[in-house]
Amino acid sequence: MPRCDICSARDAVVYQTHTGLRLCKACFFSNVIARVSREIFRYGMIKHSDRILIGVSGGKDSFVLLDILSQIHEPSRLGGATIIEGIDGYNRAEHIAEIKRMATERGVELHVVSIKELWGASVDEMVRMSIEKGQRISPCTYCGIHRRKSLNLIARELGYNKVATAHNLDDEVQTIVINILRGDIARLYMNHPLRPKGSGLFIDKIKPLRKIYEWETAKYAYLASYKPQEVECPYLELFPSLRARVRDMIYRIEASKPGSMLRLLEWFDNVFNPLKQNNRETPKLGLCSICGEPTSPNRSICKSCELQIKSLGEVKIARSVLKTQL
């Protein structure tokens, strides 16, 4: 077995195709943490006094994010938020217990809130009623929109000034390609780390893992002896998305040209840097006439409320987060 290219003292357990380095466990951990720290510093994502809410699903990515942030930021200024989507066979009690154990070991308070408690119906119920009405709305749309809205609400109500999500390099590159294919320039700009806020009701969102490959978060979790939830969301197979097709295409390119994903994200960061767009005005978001939360320009109702009306026939305004923790 070859020795680590960094320390030369231990056996290598990881091969980074994009650098050609063979790394031992300790050097691999140091490499990932250093790259995350560099990205945080580059874009000023975190200040010493920040109170940061971490989206913790219990998957490998959110474990790595929680583990690294608890090492480089004061744990007492961190919080975790687990959103129970309400998907049959997916949200299991033992899974939630493992997330709580993981957070407690790192000195991080965990907040567990369900979409049904906040918005009146679970993802399963929204999807079922949507199908009964003959609507072709992806379950990922219901889930993603309500999860994002819930995280922002939890952070704002509990006094956090940053929300950290575990989007990795693969996620970011897929999103960029999807928005290019759709010709959505506005969303491209809004995916940049220096994107401006369109509303004071939005808590600043950061993505510290955006330059870390998904296979690296999987390897990190494995070497750290963390066992993520193995059950995949059942909707992934039933409702294949454009993202899945884009992902497969990107992986084929990366396999033939290692480092392509990193180079694409670096290109994006340079070309779509909002600070370089002197003549580009930041669109100011309006407020939803139903729930009072921010909504896209020229819309009187936010997407979350629109989806609830389509599936439930009415809108359930979120209850106080402080009253709904499980």
Protein backbone atom coordinates (compact mmCIF):
# COMPACT_ATOMS: atom_id res chain seq x y z
CA MET A 1 0.00 0.00 0.00
CA PRO A 2 1.48 3.42 -0.96
CA ARG A 3 2.41 5.99 1.66
CA CYS A 4 0.65 9.33 2.07
CA ASP A 5 2.05 11.96 -0.32
CA ILE A 6 1.82 14.65 2.39
CA CYS A 7 3.19 13.12 5.59
CA SER A 8 4.95 10.01 4.20
CA ALA A 9 4.38 8.43 7.62
CA ARG A 10 1.05 6.65 7.17
CA ASP A 11 -0.58 4.49 4.53
CA ALA A 12 -2.72 6.32 1.98
CA VAL A 13 -6.45 5.55 2.12
CA VAL A 14 -7.74 8.18 -0.32
CA TYR A 15 -6.78 9.02 -3.90
CA GLN A 16 -7.83 12.48 -5.11
CA THR A 17 -8.27 12.25 -8.85
CA HIS A 18 -8.38 16.04 -9.28
CA THR A 19 -4.98 16.56 -7.57
CA GLY A 20 -3.31 13.18 -8.05
CA LEU A 21 -2.56 13.04 -4.32
CA ARG A 22 -2.68 9.89 -2.20
CA LEU A 23 -3.64 10.81 1.35
CA CYS A 24 -3.82 9.09 4.72
CA LYS A 25 -6.89 9.56 6.91
CA ALA A 26 -5.43 12.43 8.96
CA CYS A 27 -4.09 14.31 5.95
CA PHE A 28 -7.34 13.81 4.04
CA PHE A 29 -9.33 15.31 6.94
CA SER A 30 -6.87 18.22 7.12
CA ASN A 31 -7.10 18.73 3.37
CA VAL A 32 -10.91 18.95 3.39
CA ILE A 33 -11.04 21.20 6.47
CA ALA A 34 -8.38 23.52 4.99
CA ARG A 35 -10.30 23.85 1.71
CA VAL A 36 -13.55 24.57 3.55
CA SER A 37 -11.78 27.16 5.72
CA ARG A 38 -10.22 28.76 2.63
CA GLU A 39 -13.61 29.10 0.94
CA ILE A 40 -15.11 30.60 4.11
CA PHE A 41 -12.27 33.13 4.33
CA ARG A 42 -12.33 33.94 0.60
CA TYR A 43 -15.94 35.07 0.70
CA GLY A 44 -16.17 36.22 4.33
CA MET A 45 -18.87 33.67 5.05
CA ILE A 46 -18.38 33.57 8.82
CA LYS A 47 -17.44 36.12 11.48
CA HIS A 48 -16.43 35.26 15.02
CA SER A 49 -19.66 36.59 16.53
CA ASP A 50 -22.01 34.86 14.06
CA ARG A 51 -24.75 32.57 15.31
CA ILE A 52 -25.11 29.94 12.62
CA LEU A 53 -28.02 27.56 12.02
CA ILE A 54 -26.91 24.42 10.17
CA GLY A 55 -29.38 22.44 8.10
CA VAL A 56 -28.86 18.90 9.43
CA SER A 57 -30.65 16.19 7.48
CA GLY A 58 -28.49 13.40 8.88
CA GLY A 59 -26.98 12.58 5.50
CA LYS A 60 -23.25 12.46 4.87
CA ASP A 61 -22.99 16.07 3.67
CA SER A 62 -24.73 17.62 6.67
CA PHE A 63 -22.65 15.43 9.02
CA VAL A 64 -19.42 16.71 7.43
CA LEU A 65 -20.66 20.31 7.61
CA LEU A 66 -21.63 19.98 11.28
CA ASP A 67 -18.37 18.22 12.14
CA ILE A 68 -16.16 20.80 10.43
CA LEU A 69 -18.01 23.90 11.62
CA SER A 70 -17.94 22.61 15.20
CA GLN A 71 -14.13 22.46 14.87
CA ILE A 72 -13.57 25.91 13.35
CA HIS A 73 -16.39 27.90 15.04
CA GLU A 74 -17.49 28.07 18.67
CA PRO A 75 -20.10 25.27 19.10
CA SER A 76 -22.17 27.38 21.50
CA ARG A 77 -22.80 29.76 18.59
CA LEU A 78 -23.97 26.93 16.35
CA GLY A 79 -27.39 25.34 16.10
CA GLY A 80 -28.75 22.51 14.02
CA ALA A 81 -32.14 22.32 12.34
CA THR A 82 -33.69 19.03 11.26
CA ILE A 83 -36.81 19.37 9.11
CA ILE A 84 -39.09 16.32 9.14
CA GLU A 85 -40.60 16.25 5.66
CA GLY A 86 -43.26 13.67 6.42
CA ILE A 87 -42.36 11.06 3.79
CA ASP A 88 -43.49 7.53 4.62
CA GLY A 89 -40.56 5.19 5.35
CA TYR A 90 -38.02 8.00 5.08
CA ASN A 91 -38.24 9.95 8.36
CA ARG A 92 -37.52 7.30 10.98
CA ALA A 93 -37.34 7.76 14.75
CA GLU A 94 -33.95 6.05 15.04
CA HIS A 95 -32.60 8.34 12.35
CA ILE A 96 -33.67 11.46 14.30
CA ALA A 97 -32.14 9.98 17.47
CA GLU A 98 -28.81 9.52 15.68
CA ILE A 99 -28.85 13.14 14.49
CA LYS A 100 -29.51 14.32 18.06
CA ARG A 101 -26.62 12.19 19.37
CA MET A 102 -24.30 13.51 16.70
CA ALA A 103 -25.14 17.15 17.51
CA THR A 104 -24.95 16.65 21.29
CA GLU A 105 -21.48 15.10 21.06
CA ARG A 106 -20.28 18.27 19.33
CA GLY A 107 -21.97 20.66 21.76
CA VAL A 108 -24.52 21.87 19.20
CA GLU A 109 -28.18 22.47 20.08
CA LEU A 110 -30.59 20.76 17.69
CA HIS A 111 -34.04 22.04 16.69
CA VAL A 112 -36.40 19.45 15.18
CA VAL A 113 -39.44 20.79 13.35
CA SER A 114 -41.87 19.13 10.94
CA ILE A 115 -43.25 20.60 7.72
CA LYS A 116 -46.73 19.44 8.72
CA GLU A 117 -46.57 21.28 12.05
CA LEU A 118 -45.38 24.46 10.36
CA TRP A 119 -47.36 24.47 7.12
CA GLY A 120 -50.42 22.30 7.77
CA ALA A 121 -49.58 19.22 5.69
CA SER A 122 -46.69 16.82 5.18
CA VAL A 123 -44.90 16.44 1.84
CA ASP A 124 -46.69 13.10 1.34
CA GLU A 125 -50.07 14.75 1.89
CA MET A 126 -49.29 17.64 -0.46
CA VAL A 127 -48.10 15.27 -3.18
CA ARG A 128 -51.08 12.94 -2.78
CA MET A 129 -53.60 15.76 -3.02
CA SER A 130 -51.73 17.25 -5.98
CA ILE A 131 -51.88 13.92 -7.85
CA GLU A 132 -55.59 13.53 -7.05
CA LYS A 133 -56.17 16.90 -8.71
CA GLY A 134 -54.26 15.84 -11.82
CA GLN A 135 -51.37 18.25 -11.27
CA ARG A 136 -47.86 17.39 -12.43
CA ILE A 137 -45.79 19.03 -9.69
CA SER A 138 -42.58 17.31 -8.61
CA PRO A 139 -42.45 16.20 -4.96
CA CYS A 140 -38.97 17.79 -4.86
CA THR A 141 -40.63 21.15 -5.53
CA TYR A 142 -42.92 20.79 -2.51
CA CYS A 143 -40.09 19.52 -0.32
CA GLY A 144 -37.37 21.97 -1.40
CA ILE A 145 -39.47 25.11 -1.18
CA HIS A 146 -40.94 24.29 2.24
CA ARG A 147 -37.58 23.17 3.64
CA ARG A 148 -35.92 26.44 2.57
CA LYS A 149 -38.77 28.51 3.93
CA SER A 150 -38.72 26.56 7.20
CA LEU A 151 -34.95 27.01 7.69
CA ASN A 152 -35.24 30.75 7.18
CA LEU A 153 -38.18 30.95 9.60
CA ILE A 154 -36.39 28.91 12.28
CA ALA A 155 -33.22 31.00 12.02
CA ARG A 156 -35.08 34.30 12.14
CA GLU A 157 -37.28 33.34 15.06
CA LEU A 158 -34.51 31.80 17.15
CA GLY A 159 -31.98 34.59 16.61
CA TYR A 160 -29.47 33.08 14.17
CA ASN A 161 -27.91 35.49 11.67
CA LYS A 162 -26.55 32.87 9.23
CA VAL A 163 -27.95 29.66 7.74
CA ALA A 164 -25.38 27.09 6.60
CA THR A 165 -26.44 24.39 4.17
CA ALA A 166 -24.43 21.33 3.12
CA HIS A 167 -24.49 21.86 -0.65
CA ASN A 168 -21.34 20.27 -2.08
CA LEU A 169 -19.44 20.83 -5.34
CA ASP A 170 -21.63 18.38 -7.24
CA ASP A 171 -24.80 20.21 -6.13
CA GLU A 172 -23.44 23.61 -7.10
CA VAL A 173 -22.22 22.58 -10.55
CA GLN A 174 -25.50 20.80 -11.32
CA THR A 175 -27.44 23.92 -10.38
CA ILE A 176 -25.24 26.12 -12.56
CA VAL A 177 -25.67 23.86 -15.59
CA ILE A 178 -29.44 23.59 -15.05
CA ASN A 179 -29.80 27.38 -14.91
CA ILE A 180 -27.65 27.76 -18.03
CA LEU A 181 -29.86 25.26 -19.88
CA ARG A 182 -32.93 27.20 -18.75
CA GLY A 183 -31.37 30.54 -19.65
CA ASP A 184 -32.08 31.78 -16.13
CA ILE A 185 -29.47 34.52 -15.65
CA ALA A 186 -31.09 35.87 -12.48
CA ARG A 187 -30.82 32.54 -10.69
CA LEU A 188 -27.22 32.16 -11.84
CA TYR A 189 -26.30 35.39 -10.10
CA MET A 190 -28.24 34.39 -6.99
CA ASN A 191 -26.14 31.22 -6.67
CA HIS A 192 -22.94 33.23 -6.13
CA PRO A 193 -21.51 33.41 -2.55
CA LEU A 194 -21.54 37.24 -2.75
CA ARG A 195 -25.13 37.45 -3.94
CA PRO A 196 -27.06 40.36 -2.45
CA LYS A 197 -30.15 39.85 -0.32
CA GLY A 198 -33.41 40.79 -1.95
CA SER A 199 -35.19 41.16 1.39
CA GLY A 200 -34.33 41.94 4.99
CA LEU A 201 -36.49 38.97 6.00
CA PHE A 202 -33.98 36.57 4.48
CA ILE A 203 -31.23 35.26 6.79
CA ASP A 204 -27.82 35.20 5.09
CA LYS A 205 -27.18 31.76 3.58
CA ILE A 206 -23.72 30.22 3.29
CA LYS A 207 -22.42 27.02 1.65
CA PRO A 208 -19.02 26.15 3.15
CA LEU A 209 -18.78 22.77 1.32
CA ARG A 210 -19.28 24.22 -2.17
CA LYS A 211 -15.75 23.26 -3.32
CA ILE A 212 -15.82 19.74 -1.82
CA TYR A 213 -16.73 16.79 -4.06
CA GLU A 214 -19.63 14.59 -2.99
CA TRP A 215 -17.39 11.52 -3.04
CA GLU A 216 -15.13 13.36 -0.56
CA THR A 217 -17.97 13.98 1.90
CA ALA A 218 -18.90 10.28 1.58
CA LYS A 219 -15.29 9.26 2.28
CA TYR A 220 -15.00 11.73 5.16
CA ALA A 221 -18.16 10.35 6.79
CA TYR A 222 -16.98 6.76 6.30
CA LEU A 223 -13.52 7.40 7.78
CA ALA A 224 -15.11 9.26 10.70
CA SER A 225 -17.26 6.15 11.37
CA TYR A 226 -20.47 8.05 10.78
CA LYS A 227 -23.32 6.01 9.35
CA PRO A 228 -25.76 8.22 7.45
CA GLN A 229 -29.34 7.27 6.74
CA GLU A 230 -29.24 4.58 4.05
CA VAL A 231 -32.86 4.87 2.95
CA GLU A 232 -33.23 7.09 -0.11
CA CYS A 233 -36.25 9.27 -0.67
CA PRO A 234 -38.81 7.12 -2.54
CA TYR A 235 -39.71 10.00 -4.84
CA LEU A 236 -36.28 9.96 -6.49
CA GLU A 237 -37.15 6.88 -8.52
CA LEU A 238 -40.79 7.73 -9.12
CA PHE A 239 -40.15 11.27 -10.36
CA PRO A 240 -36.80 11.46 -12.22
CA SER A 241 -35.70 15.07 -12.64
CA LEU A 242 -33.63 17.20 -15.00
CA ARG A 243 -31.04 17.36 -12.21
CA ALA A 244 -30.53 13.59 -12.37
CA ARG A 245 -29.85 13.73 -16.10
CA VAL A 246 -27.49 16.70 -15.73
CA ARG A 247 -25.68 14.92 -12.91
CA ASP A 248 -25.01 11.86 -15.06
CA MET A 249 -23.66 14.03 -17.87
CA ILE A 250 -21.35 15.96 -15.53
CA TYR A 251 -20.01 12.76 -13.96
CA ARG A 252 -19.07 11.41 -17.37
CA ILE A 253 -17.11 14.59 -18.12
CA GLU A 254 -15.43 14.57 -14.70
CA ALA A 255 -14.38 10.94 -15.13
CA SER A 256 -12.61 11.74 -18.40
CA LYS A 257 -11.26 15.13 -17.28
CA PRO A 258 -10.73 15.14 -13.48
CA GLY A 259 -11.10 18.59 -11.95
CA SER A 260 -13.64 19.77 -14.54
CA MET A 261 -16.25 20.48 -11.88
CA LEU A 262 -13.87 22.62 -9.83
CA ARG A 263 -12.80 24.54 -12.91
CA LEU A 264 -16.42 25.20 -13.89
CA LEU A 265 -17.25 26.54 -10.43
CA GLU A 266 -14.15 28.76 -10.43
CA TRP A 267 -15.19 30.12 -13.84
CA PHE A 268 -18.67 30.81 -12.49
CA ASP A 269 -17.32 32.57 -9.39
CA ASN A 270 -15.21 34.90 -11.51
CA VAL A 271 -17.68 35.64 -14.31
CA PHE A 272 -20.81 36.00 -12.19
CA ASN A 273 -19.27 37.88 -9.27
CA PRO A 274 -21.92 40.50 -8.36
CA LEU A 275 -19.18 42.95 -7.31
CA LYS A 276 -17.99 43.08 -10.92
CA GLN A 277 -21.44 43.88 -12.28
CA ASN A 278 -21.50 47.60 -11.56
CA ASN A 279 -24.58 48.28 -13.66
CA ARG A 280 -26.60 45.38 -12.36
CA GLU A 281 -29.29 46.41 -9.90
CA THR A 282 -30.37 44.05 -7.14
CA PRO A 283 -34.08 43.25 -7.52
CA LYS A 284 -36.03 44.04 -4.39
CA LEU A 285 -38.47 41.33 -3.45
CA GLY A 286 -42.04 42.02 -2.52
CA LEU A 287 -44.02 40.41 0.29
CA CYS A 288 -46.52 37.60 -0.12
CA SER A 289 -50.05 38.91 0.41
CA ILE A 290 -50.94 35.72 2.30
CA CYS A 291 -48.02 34.79 4.60
CA GLY A 292 -46.01 38.01 4.57
CA GLU A 293 -42.77 36.31 3.56
CA PRO A 294 -40.61 37.49 0.62
CA THR A 295 -41.74 36.59 -2.87
CA SER A 296 -40.31 36.96 -6.36
CA PRO A 297 -40.64 40.27 -8.24
CA ASN A 298 -44.02 40.80 -9.90
CA ARG A 299 -45.63 38.08 -7.76
CA SER A 300 -48.23 38.83 -5.09
CA ILE A 301 -48.18 35.29 -3.69
CA CYS A 302 -45.03 33.30 -2.83
CA LYS A 303 -44.38 29.89 -4.36
CA SER A 304 -44.98 28.11 -1.04
CA CYS A 305 -48.46 29.58 -0.65
CA GLU A 306 -49.20 28.94 -4.33
CA LEU A 307 -48.33 25.25 -3.90
CA GLN A 308 -50.47 24.96 -0.78
CA ILE A 309 -53.43 26.46 -2.60
CA LYS A 310 -52.99 24.03 -5.50
CA SER A 311 -52.71 20.95 -3.27
CA LEU A 312 -54.66 21.80 -0.11
CA GLY A 313 -57.05 24.39 -1.47
CA GLU A 314 -55.98 26.76 1.31
CA VAL A 315 -52.88 28.14 3.00
CA LYS A 316 -51.83 27.24 6.52
CA ILE A 317 -49.70 30.02 8.01
CA ALA A 318 -46.73 28.66 9.95
CA ARG A 319 -47.10 28.30 13.68
CA SER A 320 -44.37 29.67 15.93
CA VAL A 321 -41.21 27.59 15.65
CA LEU A 322 -40.84 27.87 19.42
CA LYS A 323 -44.13 25.98 19.82
CA THR A 324 -43.56 23.28 17.23
CA GLN A 325 -40.21 21.75 18.20
CA LEU A 326 -40.62 17.99 18.62
